Protein backbone atom coordinates (compact mmCIF):
# COMPACT_ATOMS: atom_id res chain seq x y z
CA MET A 1 -8.85 -133.46 -139.80
CA GLN A 2 -6.27 -131.79 -137.57
CA ARG A 3 -6.65 -128.49 -139.46
CA ARG A 4 -10.48 -128.66 -139.15
CA THR A 5 -10.12 -129.28 -135.39
CA LEU A 6 -7.85 -126.24 -134.99
CA VAL A 7 -10.26 -124.01 -136.93
CA THR A 8 -13.18 -125.22 -134.84
CA CYS A 9 -11.27 -124.53 -131.61
CA GLY A 10 -10.36 -121.07 -132.89
CA LEU A 11 -13.98 -120.26 -133.63
CA LEU A 12 -15.04 -121.45 -130.19
CA LEU A 13 -12.39 -119.31 -128.53
CA ALA A 14 -13.41 -116.27 -130.58
CA ALA A 15 -17.04 -116.77 -129.62
CA ALA A 16 -16.09 -117.08 -125.97
CA GLY A 17 -13.94 -113.94 -126.10
CA PRO A 18 -16.56 -111.26 -125.30
CA THR A 19 -18.08 -113.39 -122.53
CA ALA A 20 -14.67 -113.97 -120.99
CA ALA A 21 -13.95 -110.22 -121.17
CA GLN A 22 -17.25 -109.42 -119.50
CA THR A 23 -16.77 -111.93 -116.70
CA ALA A 24 -13.23 -110.63 -116.14
CA TRP A 25 -14.52 -107.14 -115.32
CA PRO A 26 -13.20 -105.42 -113.32
CA ALA A 27 -9.60 -106.23 -114.18
CA LYS A 28 -8.17 -102.94 -112.88
CA PRO A 29 -9.07 -100.12 -110.44
CA ILE A 30 -12.25 -98.12 -111.07
CA THR A 31 -12.25 -94.31 -111.00
CA MET A 32 -15.10 -92.63 -109.13
CA ILE A 33 -15.39 -88.98 -110.20
CA VAL A 34 -16.68 -86.69 -107.47
CA PRO A 35 -17.47 -83.33 -109.13
CA PHE A 36 -16.91 -81.28 -105.95
CA PRO A 37 -13.95 -80.65 -103.61
CA PRO A 38 -13.49 -82.56 -100.34
CA GLY A 39 -15.72 -81.57 -97.42
CA GLY A 40 -19.12 -81.53 -99.12
CA LEU A 41 -21.90 -84.11 -99.20
CA ALA A 42 -20.77 -85.81 -102.43
CA ASP A 43 -17.30 -86.44 -101.01
CA ILE A 44 -18.67 -87.50 -97.60
CA VAL A 45 -20.88 -90.13 -99.27
CA ALA A 46 -18.33 -91.17 -101.89
CA ARG A 47 -15.51 -92.22 -99.57
CA PRO A 48 -17.22 -94.97 -97.54
CA VAL A 49 -19.27 -96.07 -100.57
CA ALA A 50 -16.16 -96.37 -102.76
CA GLU A 51 -14.38 -98.42 -100.11
CA ALA A 52 -17.36 -100.79 -99.71
CA MET A 53 -17.88 -101.15 -103.47
CA GLY A 54 -14.20 -101.89 -103.92
CA ARG A 55 -14.41 -104.76 -101.44
CA GLU A 56 -17.48 -106.12 -103.25
CA LEU A 57 -15.91 -105.84 -106.73
CA GLY A 58 -12.43 -107.05 -105.81
CA GLN A 59 -10.75 -103.92 -107.22
CA PRO A 60 -10.08 -100.51 -105.62
CA VAL A 61 -12.56 -97.73 -106.40
CA VAL A 62 -10.37 -94.61 -106.49
CA ILE A 63 -11.92 -91.18 -105.91
CA GLU A 64 -10.95 -88.25 -108.12
CA ASN A 65 -12.31 -84.85 -107.07
CA LYS A 66 -12.97 -82.82 -110.24
CA ALA A 67 -14.51 -79.57 -108.97
CA GLY A 68 -15.74 -76.50 -110.81
CA ALA A 69 -18.77 -74.93 -112.51
CA GLY A 70 -21.16 -76.09 -109.79
CA GLY A 71 -20.14 -79.69 -110.44
CA GLY A 72 -20.49 -79.38 -114.20
CA ILE A 73 -16.82 -80.01 -114.99
CA GLY A 74 -16.70 -83.39 -113.28
CA MET A 75 -20.14 -84.37 -114.56
CA GLY A 76 -19.05 -83.49 -118.08
CA LEU A 77 -15.87 -85.57 -117.77
CA ALA A 78 -17.88 -88.57 -116.55
CA SER A 79 -20.43 -88.25 -119.34
CA LYS A 80 -17.66 -88.35 -121.96
CA ALA A 81 -15.67 -91.20 -120.39
CA ALA A 82 -15.37 -94.57 -122.10
CA PRO A 83 -18.49 -96.64 -121.29
CA ASP A 84 -16.48 -99.60 -120.03
CA GLY A 85 -17.33 -99.53 -116.32
CA TYR A 86 -13.96 -98.13 -115.26
CA THR A 87 -15.32 -94.61 -114.74
CA VAL A 88 -18.32 -93.92 -112.50
CA LEU A 89 -19.77 -90.68 -111.14
CA LEU A 90 -20.94 -89.90 -107.60
CA SER A 91 -23.10 -86.85 -108.19
CA LEU A 92 -25.52 -84.57 -106.38
CA SER A 93 -28.90 -83.32 -107.55
CA SER A 94 -27.38 -80.36 -109.43
CA LEU A 95 -26.88 -82.97 -112.18
CA THR A 96 -30.49 -82.43 -113.30
CA VAL A 97 -30.26 -78.64 -113.07
CA LEU A 98 -27.13 -77.64 -114.98
CA PRO A 99 -28.24 -78.69 -118.51
CA GLU A 100 -31.39 -76.56 -118.04
CA ALA A 101 -29.26 -73.64 -116.86
CA ASP A 102 -26.97 -73.96 -119.89
CA ALA A 103 -30.00 -73.91 -122.19
CA LEU A 104 -31.41 -70.83 -120.42
CA LEU A 105 -28.10 -69.01 -120.79
CA GLY A 106 -27.76 -70.01 -124.46
CA ARG A 107 -24.41 -71.71 -124.00
CA ALA A 108 -23.07 -75.09 -125.05
CA PRO A 109 -24.08 -77.72 -122.45
CA MET A 110 -21.32 -79.20 -120.31
CA TYR A 111 -23.07 -82.58 -120.71
CA ALA A 112 -26.38 -84.08 -121.78
CA LEU A 113 -28.41 -85.71 -119.01
CA ASN A 114 -29.09 -88.76 -121.19
CA ALA A 115 -25.33 -89.30 -121.53
CA LEU A 116 -25.34 -90.63 -117.96
CA ARG A 117 -27.23 -93.67 -116.69
CA PRO A 118 -28.53 -93.72 -113.07
CA ILE A 119 -27.42 -96.74 -111.02
CA ALA A 120 -28.33 -96.06 -107.38
CA ARG A 121 -29.35 -93.30 -104.99
CA PHE A 122 -27.72 -93.25 -101.55
CA THR A 123 -29.09 -90.18 -99.77
CA ALA A 124 -31.83 -87.59 -100.26
CA ASP A 125 -31.78 -84.81 -97.67
CA PRO A 126 -33.50 -81.46 -97.55
CA THR A 127 -30.90 -78.70 -97.39
CA VAL A 128 -30.62 -76.68 -94.17
CA LEU A 129 -30.20 -72.93 -93.67
CA ALA A 130 -27.06 -72.48 -91.58
CA VAL A 131 -25.58 -69.29 -90.10
CA ARG A 132 -22.79 -68.68 -87.59
CA ALA A 133 -23.68 -69.26 -83.96
CA ASP A 134 -23.02 -65.58 -83.19
CA ALA A 135 -25.31 -64.33 -86.00
CA PRO A 136 -28.18 -62.04 -84.91
CA TRP A 137 -30.88 -64.32 -86.36
CA LYS A 138 -32.38 -66.92 -84.03
CA THR A 139 -35.15 -68.02 -86.41
CA VAL A 140 -35.79 -68.01 -90.15
CA LYS A 141 -38.38 -65.27 -89.61
CA ASP A 142 -35.65 -63.09 -88.07
CA PHE A 143 -33.50 -63.81 -91.14
CA VAL A 144 -36.28 -62.94 -93.61
CA GLU A 145 -37.36 -59.78 -91.76
CA ASP A 146 -33.76 -58.49 -91.71
CA ALA A 147 -33.38 -59.29 -95.42
CA LYS A 148 -36.52 -57.28 -96.17
CA LYS A 149 -35.13 -54.29 -94.28
CA ARG A 150 -31.72 -54.54 -95.99
CA PRO A 151 -32.20 -55.83 -99.56
CA GLY A 152 -29.01 -57.46 -100.84
CA ALA A 153 -27.07 -56.85 -97.60
CA ILE A 154 -27.18 -60.49 -96.49
CA ASN A 155 -25.01 -62.77 -98.60
CA TYR A 156 -24.79 -66.55 -98.89
CA GLY A 157 -22.28 -68.99 -100.31
CA SER A 158 -22.86 -71.82 -102.73
CA SER A 159 -21.10 -74.51 -104.75
CA GLY A 160 -21.70 -72.50 -107.94
CA ASN A 161 -24.48 -71.05 -110.07
CA TYR A 162 -27.58 -73.29 -110.22
CA GLY A 163 -25.93 -75.78 -107.85
CA THR A 164 -27.51 -77.55 -104.89
CA MET A 165 -26.66 -74.66 -102.54
CA HIS A 166 -27.79 -71.90 -104.90
CA VAL A 167 -31.18 -73.23 -106.06
CA PRO A 168 -32.79 -73.68 -102.60
CA MET A 169 -31.79 -70.16 -101.48
CA GLU A 170 -33.33 -68.70 -104.62
CA ILE A 171 -36.50 -70.73 -104.00
CA LEU A 172 -36.70 -69.23 -100.48
CA ALA A 173 -35.88 -65.71 -101.70
CA GLN A 174 -38.64 -65.83 -104.32
CA ASN A 175 -41.20 -67.22 -101.88
CA ALA A 176 -40.33 -64.80 -99.06
CA GLY A 177 -39.99 -61.76 -101.32
CA ILE A 178 -36.42 -60.96 -100.31
CA LYS A 179 -33.18 -60.14 -102.13
CA LEU A 180 -29.96 -61.93 -101.08
CA THR A 181 -26.46 -61.66 -102.55
CA HIS A 182 -25.07 -64.88 -103.99
CA VAL A 183 -21.35 -65.68 -103.58
CA PRO A 184 -20.34 -68.84 -105.53
CA PHE A 185 -17.47 -71.11 -104.46
CA THR A 186 -16.09 -74.33 -105.98
CA GLY A 187 -17.98 -76.55 -103.55
CA ALA A 188 -19.79 -76.87 -100.23
CA GLY A 189 -16.57 -77.38 -98.27
CA PRO A 190 -15.02 -74.01 -99.26
CA ALA A 191 -18.38 -72.25 -98.77
CA VAL A 192 -18.72 -73.59 -95.22
CA VAL A 193 -15.12 -72.58 -94.46
CA ALA A 194 -15.99 -69.05 -95.66
CA LEU A 195 -19.08 -69.05 -93.44
CA LEU A 196 -17.05 -70.13 -90.40
CA GLY A 197 -14.48 -67.44 -91.20
CA GLY A 198 -17.05 -64.66 -91.47
CA GLN A 199 -16.63 -64.00 -95.21
CA ILE A 200 -20.30 -64.85 -95.87
CA ASP A 201 -23.46 -64.82 -93.75
CA ALA A 202 -25.27 -68.07 -94.58
CA VAL A 203 -25.36 -71.28 -96.59
CA SER A 204 -27.99 -73.77 -97.65
CA SER A 205 -26.34 -77.17 -97.61
CA GLY A 206 -26.93 -80.82 -96.87
CA PRO A 207 -26.97 -81.57 -93.11
CA ALA A 208 -23.84 -83.70 -93.43
CA THR A 209 -21.77 -80.66 -94.44
CA VAL A 210 -22.59 -78.56 -91.37
CA LEU A 211 -23.66 -80.95 -88.60
CA GLN A 212 -20.19 -81.28 -87.04
CA HIS A 213 -19.95 -77.48 -86.78
CA VAL A 214 -23.45 -77.26 -85.29
CA LYS A 215 -22.48 -79.84 -82.65
CA ALA A 216 -19.28 -77.87 -81.96
CA GLY A 217 -21.33 -74.73 -81.32
CA LYS A 218 -19.91 -72.83 -84.30
CA LEU A 219 -22.99 -72.81 -86.56
CA ARG A 220 -26.75 -72.56 -86.02
CA VAL A 221 -29.43 -74.07 -88.29
CA LEU A 222 -32.49 -71.84 -88.68
CA ALA A 223 -34.71 -74.04 -90.88
CA HIS A 224 -34.69 -76.68 -93.59
CA TRP A 225 -36.27 -77.28 -96.99
CA GLY A 226 -37.99 -80.59 -96.10
CA SER A 227 -41.62 -81.46 -95.44
CA SER A 228 -41.16 -82.93 -91.95
CA ARG A 229 -38.73 -82.86 -89.03
CA LEU A 230 -35.25 -84.31 -89.61
CA GLU A 231 -33.93 -87.29 -87.69
CA THR A 232 -30.54 -85.64 -87.24
CA LEU A 233 -31.89 -82.15 -86.38
CA PRO A 234 -35.34 -82.79 -84.84
CA GLU A 235 -35.56 -79.33 -83.26
CA VAL A 236 -35.19 -77.49 -86.59
CA THR A 237 -38.36 -76.15 -88.23
CA PRO A 238 -39.22 -76.99 -91.86
CA LEU A 239 -39.69 -73.83 -93.93
CA LYS A 240 -43.27 -74.93 -94.65
CA GLU A 241 -44.02 -74.85 -90.90
CA ALA A 242 -42.62 -71.32 -90.79
CA GLY A 243 -44.98 -70.23 -93.57
CA TYR A 244 -42.73 -70.43 -96.62
CA ASP A 245 -43.63 -72.69 -99.55
CA ALA A 246 -40.07 -73.80 -100.17
CA GLU A 247 -38.97 -77.43 -100.60
CA TYR A 248 -35.75 -78.86 -102.00
CA ALA A 249 -33.88 -82.17 -101.63
CA GLN A 250 -30.16 -82.62 -102.15
CA TRP A 251 -29.68 -86.22 -103.22
CA SER A 252 -26.53 -88.19 -103.97
CA GLY A 253 -26.33 -91.02 -106.47
CA LEU A 254 -24.14 -93.20 -108.65
CA PHE A 255 -24.07 -92.91 -112.45
CA VAL A 256 -22.16 -94.46 -115.36
CA PRO A 257 -21.67 -93.26 -118.95
CA ALA A 258 -24.59 -94.29 -121.17
CA GLY A 259 -23.74 -97.38 -123.20
CA THR A 260 -21.92 -99.16 -120.38
CA PRO A 261 -22.44 -102.91 -121.00
CA GLU A 262 -25.41 -104.39 -119.15
CA PRO A 263 -23.39 -107.10 -117.33
CA VAL A 264 -21.11 -104.36 -115.96
CA VAL A 265 -24.11 -102.24 -114.97
CA GLN A 266 -25.56 -105.18 -113.06
CA ARG A 267 -22.27 -105.76 -111.21
CA LEU A 268 -22.11 -102.09 -110.25
CA ARG A 269 -25.77 -102.16 -109.23
CA ALA A 270 -25.14 -105.14 -106.93
CA ALA A 271 -22.02 -103.49 -105.46
CA ALA A 272 -23.91 -100.23 -104.83
CA ARG A 273 -26.72 -102.16 -103.13
CA ALA A 274 -24.21 -103.97 -100.92
CA ALA A 275 -22.51 -100.67 -100.04
CA ALA A 276 -25.84 -99.10 -99.03
CA GLN A 277 -26.47 -102.07 -96.71
CA ASP A 278 -22.95 -102.06 -95.24
CA ALA A 279 -23.02 -101.26 -91.51
CA LYS A 280 -19.87 -99.12 -91.67
CA VAL A 281 -21.18 -97.07 -94.60
CA LYS A 282 -24.46 -96.45 -92.76
CA GLU A 283 -22.61 -95.46 -89.60
CA VAL A 284 -20.26 -93.01 -91.35
CA ILE A 285 -22.93 -91.30 -93.45
CA LEU A 286 -25.53 -91.14 -90.65
CA GLY A 287 -22.83 -89.87 -88.28
CA ALA A 288 -22.24 -87.02 -90.72
CA GLY A 289 -25.95 -86.20 -90.66
CA SER A 290 -27.45 -88.02 -93.65
CA PRO A 291 -29.36 -91.29 -93.30
CA ILE A 292 -29.16 -93.74 -96.20
CA LEU A 293 -32.27 -93.49 -98.40
CA TYR A 294 -31.35 -96.07 -101.02
CA GLN A 295 -33.04 -96.44 -104.41
CA ASP A 296 -32.16 -99.23 -106.82
CA THR A 297 -31.72 -98.61 -110.54
CA PRO A 298 -35.34 -98.67 -111.85
CA ASP A 299 -36.70 -96.45 -109.06
CA PHE A 300 -33.72 -94.11 -109.26
CA GLU A 301 -34.11 -93.73 -113.03
CA ARG A 302 -37.72 -92.62 -112.51
CA TYR A 303 -36.71 -90.35 -109.63
CA VAL A 304 -34.03 -88.59 -111.71
CA ALA A 305 -36.43 -88.08 -114.63
CA ALA A 306 -39.08 -86.55 -112.34
CA ASP A 307 -36.51 -84.34 -110.62
CA ALA A 308 -35.26 -83.08 -113.98
CA ARG A 309 -38.79 -82.06 -114.98
CA ARG A 310 -39.34 -80.20 -111.69
CA MET A 311 -35.95 -78.48 -111.78
CA ALA A 312 -36.57 -77.25 -115.33
CA GLU A 313 -39.44 -75.16 -113.97
CA VAL A 314 -37.36 -73.95 -111.01
CA VAL A 315 -34.52 -72.80 -113.30
CA LYS A 316 -36.97 -70.83 -115.46
CA LYS A 317 -38.23 -69.02 -112.35
CA ILE A 318 -34.69 -68.22 -111.17
CA GLY A 319 -33.83 -66.83 -114.58
CA LYS A 320 -30.42 -65.91 -115.95
CA VAL A 321 -27.51 -65.81 -113.50
CA GLU A 322 -24.17 -65.09 -115.11
């Protein structure tokens, strides 16, 4: 009888094992991969969000900046991480572009889009066209007219080929019939530093990356890629108002490797939702120039799928960029 009791207890403990393991998550710090260097939108969003999620989950969420290849290196690392909830990705919208660019260029993809599962969107801003405050262009029409007179003479910086700073400029160039010279950097932060230092002439970036420099009188915003006026820059004209059919949104969102257990996904989903509602997170991100535009998992999954379809067409129009 005693032996039968011990066997029964053992079976009960074995059956309870997976449930106990799931409820124990997280039992150690979580790594949040940010696939860009400090100073850009992804990093600006990631830091307050990681802090708030860590408080909600009871474990630190530690940021690791893994920059390079327009974000592709960090995105690839996240897609190949163990699907155990201890690695998450805070990405920008270039996530949906880079696999299409790899296919166009006939090279091995850095990651497959379906290897990452969307959890939550935090922001979705149109990019803005920023130049130095002492630049000769006061409006986007001035910028375009000068580019037409001097094809290729005006250059702009980006976070890398087919990234969130490259794609919108190519959309504008195609629509306006101008030729610009593209200078890729490892992220938005280094590109903006180069703009401030006079190494490049312009950038298209999220408002959060340039707003502090605009307020300091160092940069000027000529236009943006949205459909209506921005809350943070109400005086800036949308490109559509200026006569250019150019729209682009730079969003930021949280992802996990596909196959992450559903109970873990739900915990992360709840923590992301709490972070988006946190007063300090809202204050920090809005203060940088980007209001929270939160989407929960089902809506964000649909949003990412639709964005991927639209960006596939945009990449085809841009063509090969080595």
